[in-house]
Structures are given as C-alpha cells and as structure tokens.
N, C-alpha and C. Protein backbone atom coordinates (compact mmCIF):
# COMPACT_ATOMS: atom_id res chain seq x y z
N MET A 1 222.68 16.57 37.57
CA MET A 1 222.48 16.91 38.61
C MET A 1 222.07 18.43 38.51
N TRP A 2 221.87 19.24 37.81
CA TRP A 2 221.73 20.46 37.45
C TRP A 2 219.83 20.57 37.21
N THR A 3 219.11 19.82 36.58
CA THR A 3 218.00 20.20 36.33
C THR A 3 217.12 19.13 37.37
N GLY A 4 218.06 18.29 38.11
CA GLY A 4 217.20 17.85 39.03
C GLY A 4 217.25 18.58 39.96
N LEU A 5 218.45 20.05 40.49
CA LEU A 5 217.89 20.79 41.54
C LEU A 5 216.99 21.28 40.93
N GLY A 6 217.04 21.63 39.80
CA GLY A 6 216.08 22.81 39.67
C GLY A 6 214.43 22.26 39.78
N SER A 7 214.63 21.08 39.79
CA SER A 7 213.16 20.49 39.76
C SER A 7 212.39 20.44 41.31
N LEU A 8 213.33 20.37 42.16
CA LEU A 8 213.48 20.05 43.73
C LEU A 8 212.69 22.09 44.19
N LEU A 9 213.39 22.95 42.85
CA LEU A 9 212.96 24.12 43.56
C LEU A 9 211.95 24.25 43.09
N ARG A 10 211.12 23.63 42.28
CA ARG A 10 209.76 24.06 41.33
C ARG A 10 208.90 22.56 42.52
N GLY A 11 209.30 22.11 43.41
CA GLY A 11 208.53 21.32 44.36
C GLY A 11 208.16 19.88 43.84
N ASP A 12 209.37 19.47 43.11
CA ASP A 12 209.00 17.90 42.74
C ASP A 12 210.10 17.27 43.08
N LEU A 13 209.69 16.68 44.79
CA LEU A 13 210.55 15.79 45.20
C LEU A 13 211.28 14.90 44.93
N MET A 14 211.21 14.37 44.06
CA MET A 14 211.85 13.11 43.65
C MET A 14 212.79 13.43 42.07
N LEU A 15 213.13 14.68 42.25
CA LEU A 15 213.91 15.98 41.99
C LEU A 15 214.26 14.58 40.25
N SER A 16 213.70 14.81 39.84
CA SER A 16 213.61 14.38 38.60
C SER A 16 214.57 15.38 37.76
N GLY A 17 215.27 14.76 36.65
CA GLY A 17 216.18 15.72 35.79
C GLY A 17 216.28 14.91 34.68
N PHE A 18 217.05 15.77 33.51
CA PHE A 18 217.30 14.96 32.25
C PHE A 18 218.61 15.88 31.57
N SER A 19 219.04 15.11 31.14
CA SER A 19 220.42 15.29 29.99
C SER A 19 220.30 15.04 28.74
N TYR A 20 221.59 15.21 27.80
CA TYR A 20 221.38 14.99 26.86
C TYR A 20 222.85 14.22 26.25
N LEU A 21 222.72 12.89 25.43
CA LEU A 21 223.94 12.25 25.65
C LEU A 21 225.63 13.13 25.51
N TRP A 22 224.76 14.18 24.27
CA TRP A 22 226.03 15.09 24.14
C TRP A 22 226.83 15.71 24.91
N MET A 23 226.17 15.82 26.63
CA MET A 23 226.58 16.32 27.65
C MET A 23 227.47 15.31 28.23
N PHE A 24 227.61 14.11 28.20
CA PHE A 24 229.15 13.29 28.62
C PHE A 24 230.68 13.89 28.03
N PRO A 25 230.44 13.53 26.73
CA PRO A 25 231.63 14.39 25.92
C PRO A 25 231.82 15.35 26.89
N ILE A 26 231.16 16.44 26.74
CA ILE A 26 231.32 18.00 26.80
C ILE A 26 231.61 17.75 28.66
N TYR A 27 231.17 17.24 29.24
CA TYR A 27 231.33 17.43 30.39
C TYR A 27 232.89 16.66 30.77
N GLY A 28 232.99 15.33 30.08
CA GLY A 28 234.61 14.70 29.91
C GLY A 28 236.20 15.71 29.63
N LEU A 29 235.54 17.13 29.14
CA LEU A 29 236.39 18.19 29.27
C LEU A 29 237.11 18.77 30.20
N ALA A 30 236.47 18.08 31.34
CA ALA A 30 236.46 18.77 32.84
C ALA A 30 237.93 18.24 33.19
N ARG A 31 238.16 17.02 32.70
CA ARG A 31 239.42 16.05 32.50
C ARG A 31 241.30 16.76 32.14
N PHE A 32 240.59 18.21 31.27
CA PHE A 32 241.53 18.73 30.66
C PHE A 32 241.52 20.31 31.45
N LEU A 33 240.91 20.26 32.67
CA LEU A 33 241.06 21.37 33.38
C LEU A 33 242.27 21.22 34.76
N GLU A 34 242.36 20.11 34.75
CA GLU A 34 243.03 19.38 36.01
C GLU A 34 244.49 20.17 35.64
N PRO A 35 245.28 20.65 35.10
CA PRO A 35 246.60 21.14 35.15
C PRO A 35 246.20 22.54 35.55
N LEU A 36 245.64 23.02 35.46
CA LEU A 36 244.70 24.45 35.54
C LEU A 36 244.42 24.31 36.74
N HIS A 37 244.23 23.24 37.40
CA HIS A 37 243.83 23.15 38.91
C HIS A 37 245.52 23.75 39.77
N ASP A 38 246.37 22.46 39.14
CA ASP A 38 247.36 22.71 39.95
C ASP A 38 248.24 23.87 39.78
N ARG A 39 247.70 24.30 38.55
CA ARG A 39 248.64 25.89 38.54
C ARG A 39 248.04 26.83 39.62
N LEU A 40 246.56 26.91 39.83
CA LEU A 40 245.59 27.82 40.41
C LEU A 40 245.68 28.21 41.84
N ARG A 41 246.19 26.05 42.06
CA ARG A 41 246.48 26.38 43.59
C ARG A 41 247.02 27.51 45.05
N PRO A 42 248.04 27.36 44.29
CA PRO A 42 248.47 29.19 45.19
C PRO A 42 247.43 30.52 45.42
N TRP A 43 246.86 30.22 44.21
CA TRP A 43 246.38 31.95 43.80
C TRP A 43 245.58 32.03 44.69
N PRO A 44 244.70 33.37 45.16
CA PRO A 44 243.36 33.39 46.19
C PRO A 44 242.50 32.94 45.61
N TRP A 45 241.49 32.78 46.29
CA TRP A 45 240.54 32.32 46.02
C TRP A 45 239.52 32.58 45.18
N TYR A 46 239.47 34.05 45.34
CA TYR A 46 238.35 34.66 44.56
C TYR A 46 238.80 34.94 42.65
N LEU A 47 240.30 34.84 42.87
CA LEU A 47 241.07 34.63 41.49
C LEU A 47 240.54 33.53 40.76
N ARG A 48 240.88 32.41 41.50
CA ARG A 48 240.42 30.81 41.33
C ARG A 48 239.19 30.70 40.87
N GLY A 49 238.21 31.42 41.66
CA GLY A 49 236.70 31.28 41.17
C GLY A 49 236.44 31.96 40.17
N LEU A 50 237.34 33.38 39.67
CA LEU A 50 236.99 33.89 38.67
C LEU A 50 237.57 33.50 37.49
N ILE A 51 238.93 32.46 37.25
CA ILE A 51 239.02 31.73 36.55
C ILE A 51 238.07 30.92 36.01
N TRP A 52 237.73 29.91 37.01
CA TRP A 52 236.53 28.77 37.04
C TRP A 52 235.43 29.08 35.98
N MET A 53 235.24 30.35 36.63
CA MET A 53 233.71 30.99 35.89
C MET A 53 234.02 30.95 34.34
N SER A 54 235.20 31.82 34.34
CA SER A 54 235.54 31.70 32.80
C SER A 54 235.38 30.74 32.06
N ALA A 55 236.03 30.22 32.63
CA ALA A 55 236.71 29.04 31.97
C ALA A 55 235.29 27.87 31.32
N PHE A 56 234.36 27.59 32.61
CA PHE A 56 233.18 26.87 32.36
C PHE A 56 232.16 27.48 31.33
N LEU A 57 231.90 28.87 31.36
CA LEU A 57 231.27 29.80 30.31
C LEU A 57 231.89 29.57 29.01
N VAL A 58 233.32 29.72 28.87
CA VAL A 58 233.69 29.38 27.64
C VAL A 58 233.55 28.51 26.99
N ILE A 59 233.95 27.28 27.68
CA ILE A 59 233.56 26.19 27.40
C ILE A 59 232.65 25.56 26.90
N GLU A 60 231.38 26.32 27.93
CA GLU A 60 229.57 26.31 27.40
C GLU A 60 229.40 26.67 26.26
N TYR A 61 229.95 27.80 26.22
CA TYR A 61 229.76 28.14 25.08
C TYR A 61 229.72 27.99 23.97
N THR A 62 231.62 27.27 23.60
CA THR A 62 232.25 26.87 22.55
C THR A 62 231.57 25.72 22.27
N THR A 63 231.32 24.99 23.46
CA THR A 63 230.71 23.52 22.95
C THR A 63 229.12 23.61 22.45
N GLY A 64 228.48 24.87 22.69
CA GLY A 64 226.78 24.87 22.48
C GLY A 64 226.80 25.04 20.86
N TRP A 65 227.83 26.56 21.06
CA TRP A 65 227.96 26.85 19.07
C TRP A 65 228.57 25.74 17.99
N LEU A 66 229.33 24.82 18.42
CA LEU A 66 229.73 23.81 17.67
C LEU A 66 228.66 23.07 17.25
N LEU A 67 228.01 22.75 18.52
CA LEU A 67 226.54 22.24 18.13
C LEU A 67 225.70 22.39 17.53
N LYS A 68 225.65 23.56 17.80
CA LYS A 68 224.33 24.31 16.84
C LYS A 68 225.58 24.54 15.29
N SER A 69 226.45 24.85 15.28
CA SER A 69 227.04 24.59 13.87
C SER A 69 226.61 23.58 13.24
N ILE A 70 227.49 22.73 13.97
CA ILE A 70 227.11 21.22 13.01
C ILE A 70 225.73 20.73 12.97
N LEU A 71 224.89 20.88 13.97
CA LEU A 71 223.71 19.96 13.81
C LEU A 71 222.64 20.44 13.65
N GLY A 72 223.03 22.46 13.60
CA GLY A 72 221.45 23.02 13.60
C GLY A 72 220.78 23.48 14.48
N SER A 73 221.40 22.93 15.70
CA SER A 73 220.62 23.20 16.71
C SER A 73 221.60 22.70 18.07
N CYS A 74 221.36 23.58 19.43
CA CYS A 74 222.28 23.46 20.42
C CYS A 74 221.15 22.34 21.51
N PRO A 75 221.67 21.77 22.36
CA PRO A 75 220.57 21.00 23.42
C PRO A 75 220.38 21.58 24.62
N TRP A 76 220.56 22.88 24.54
CA TRP A 76 219.92 23.50 25.73
C TRP A 76 220.04 24.83 25.25
N ASN A 77 219.21 25.75 25.35
CA ASN A 77 218.40 26.60 24.91
C ASN A 77 218.15 27.84 25.75
N TYR A 78 218.96 29.02 25.90
CA TYR A 78 218.92 29.62 26.87
C TYR A 78 218.01 30.95 26.39
N SER A 79 217.76 31.19 25.02
CA SER A 79 217.00 32.31 24.76
C SER A 79 216.19 32.99 25.68
N GLY A 80 215.28 32.29 26.18
CA GLY A 80 214.21 32.53 26.93
C GLY A 80 214.80 33.72 28.20
N SER A 81 215.61 33.79 28.37
CA SER A 81 216.25 34.13 29.80
C SER A 81 216.97 35.63 29.41
N ARG A 82 216.56 36.86 29.84
CA ARG A 82 217.87 38.25 29.46
C ARG A 82 218.78 37.90 29.88
N PHE A 83 219.66 37.07 30.58
CA PHE A 83 220.70 37.35 30.63
C PHE A 83 221.52 36.59 29.75
N SER A 84 220.96 35.85 28.78
CA SER A 84 221.63 34.84 27.49
C SER A 84 222.51 35.54 26.57
N VAL A 85 223.28 34.72 26.09
CA VAL A 85 224.01 35.00 25.11
C VAL A 85 224.17 34.25 24.10
N ASP A 86 223.81 34.64 22.95
CA ASP A 86 222.98 33.82 22.22
C ASP A 86 222.39 32.59 22.16
N GLY A 87 221.67 32.45 23.22
CA GLY A 87 220.88 31.43 23.80
C GLY A 87 221.78 30.20 23.81
N LEU A 88 223.19 30.42 24.03
CA LEU A 88 224.43 29.80 24.70
C LEU A 88 224.63 29.44 25.95
N ILE A 89 224.59 30.35 27.02
CA ILE A 89 225.11 31.17 27.93
C ILE A 89 224.17 31.44 29.11
N ARG A 90 224.35 31.34 30.34
CA ARG A 90 223.52 32.70 30.86
C ARG A 90 224.02 33.22 32.01
N LEU A 91 224.35 34.30 31.81
CA LEU A 91 225.03 35.26 32.75
C LEU A 91 225.05 35.27 34.19
N ASP A 92 223.86 34.77 34.17
CA ASP A 92 222.55 34.53 35.99
C ASP A 92 223.38 33.32 36.39
N TYR A 93 223.81 32.32 35.56
CA TYR A 93 224.40 31.17 36.15
C TYR A 93 226.22 31.13 36.74
N ALA A 94 226.80 32.55 36.37
CA ALA A 94 227.96 32.61 36.47
C ALA A 94 228.41 32.56 38.13
N PRO A 95 227.74 32.41 39.42
CA PRO A 95 228.17 32.19 40.44
C PRO A 95 227.90 30.95 40.57
N ALA A 96 226.85 30.01 40.03
CA ALA A 96 226.89 28.63 39.96
C ALA A 96 228.79 28.25 39.81
N TRP A 97 228.93 28.46 38.57
CA TRP A 97 230.22 28.10 38.02
C TRP A 97 231.20 28.59 38.62
N PHE A 98 231.50 29.72 39.51
CA PHE A 98 232.37 30.46 40.27
C PHE A 98 232.44 29.55 41.32
N PHE A 99 231.44 28.90 42.04
CA PHE A 99 231.50 27.65 42.99
C PHE A 99 231.69 26.30 42.26
N ALA A 100 231.49 26.02 41.43
CA ALA A 100 231.13 24.81 41.06
C ALA A 100 232.81 24.12 40.67
N GLY A 101 233.54 25.53 40.64
CA GLY A 101 234.99 25.18 40.30
C GLY A 101 236.03 24.92 41.62
N PHE A 102 235.33 25.13 42.71
CA PHE A 102 236.14 25.24 43.87
C PHE A 102 235.53 23.65 44.26
N LEU A 103 234.43 23.16 44.11
CA LEU A 103 233.95 21.64 44.56
C LEU A 103 234.84 20.86 43.13
N LEU A 104 235.12 21.12 42.23
CA LEU A 104 236.18 20.33 41.44
C LEU A 104 237.45 20.16 42.02
N GLU A 105 237.36 21.35 42.49
CA GLU A 105 239.22 21.41 43.27
C GLU A 105 238.94 20.48 44.11
N ARG A 106 237.67 20.25 45.26
CA ARG A 106 237.66 19.15 46.28
C ARG A 106 237.70 17.92 46.14
N LEU A 107 237.10 17.75 44.57
CA LEU A 107 237.02 16.38 44.20
C LEU A 107 238.09 15.89 43.82
N HIS A 108 238.98 16.95 43.05
CA HIS A 108 240.58 16.95 42.64
C HIS A 108 241.42 16.32 43.61
N ASP A 109 241.46 17.13 44.92
CA ASP A 109 242.25 16.80 45.82
C ASP A 109 241.58 15.31 46.79
N THR A 110 240.66 14.99 46.78
CA THR A 110 239.96 14.17 47.26
C THR A 110 240.53 12.56 46.12
N LEU A 111 240.46 12.47 45.37
CA LEU A 111 240.75 11.54 44.46
C LEU A 111 242.05 11.43 44.57
N ILE A 112 242.91 12.69 44.48
CA ILE A 112 244.38 12.44 44.68
C ILE A 112 245.16 11.52 45.89
N GLU A 113 243.63 12.29 46.82
CA GLU A 113 244.43 11.44 48.41
C GLU A 113 244.10 10.07 48.46
N HIS A 114 243.01 9.45 47.86
CA HIS A 114 242.55 8.32 48.23
C HIS A 114 243.56 7.57 46.56
N SER A 115 244.49 8.37 45.88
CA SER A 115 245.24 7.69 44.97
C SER A 115 244.23 7.21 43.95
N ILE A 116 243.39 7.63 43.62
CA ILE A 116 242.43 6.97 42.25
C ILE A 116 242.97 8.02 41.33
N LEU A 117 243.68 8.90 40.97
CA LEU A 117 244.00 9.74 39.87
C LEU A 117 245.40 9.25 40.19
C-alpha cells in the first residue's frame, strides 16, 4: 500500500506498488501488538502515538538488521536518505508510523466489534 501511494505522488494513477515476500511475516508481527493496544487504550493520544511510532521503528530496524545479517542485504534500503539510520529505517517516516498506530487501533476495535477477533 505504501509504495502504491508513493506512485500516486509521482503521478502514476494506476497506483503501482511492489513488496517482498519477506514483508508478510514482518507485517504479521503486528498481531503481537494487540495486547499493547489494550494496555494503551486509557493513555492520552500523543503518548499512544509516540509508543506506536517507536514500536514500528524498532520492529522495522530489527527485522531489517536480521535480514541483512542472515541474507547479506535487506529488501528495503533507505541509505539514500539523509534521515536514514543504517539504511534500515527513515526518521522522516516517523509521523506516518505515529498515525499508523491509530489506524491499527481502529482496525482492532472494528474487528472486535464485529466478533472477528
């Protein structure tokens, strides 16, 4: 979805995107954040956002580091950005991760409400 939105910003109305099979288990790690969601529910929105942002950045860095250690390279490479940390995360994406946590909170609540979880 992220690369598809990026293509829209470049004028590609087809919203062409790409991903790696490695991303399925990595994104699947979000399942382990659900207990965190329940604990954070009473907290102020800005603290929840900072925690989500930090959690996502740590997961992205850690999984990227593991893949780089095991495979010799990481599927994503942010080294061209001045906001990159070891080519594994981009600090300028922090606001997107901040708000992604709220989207996952909504998704979690919707799934609970409809008895899917």
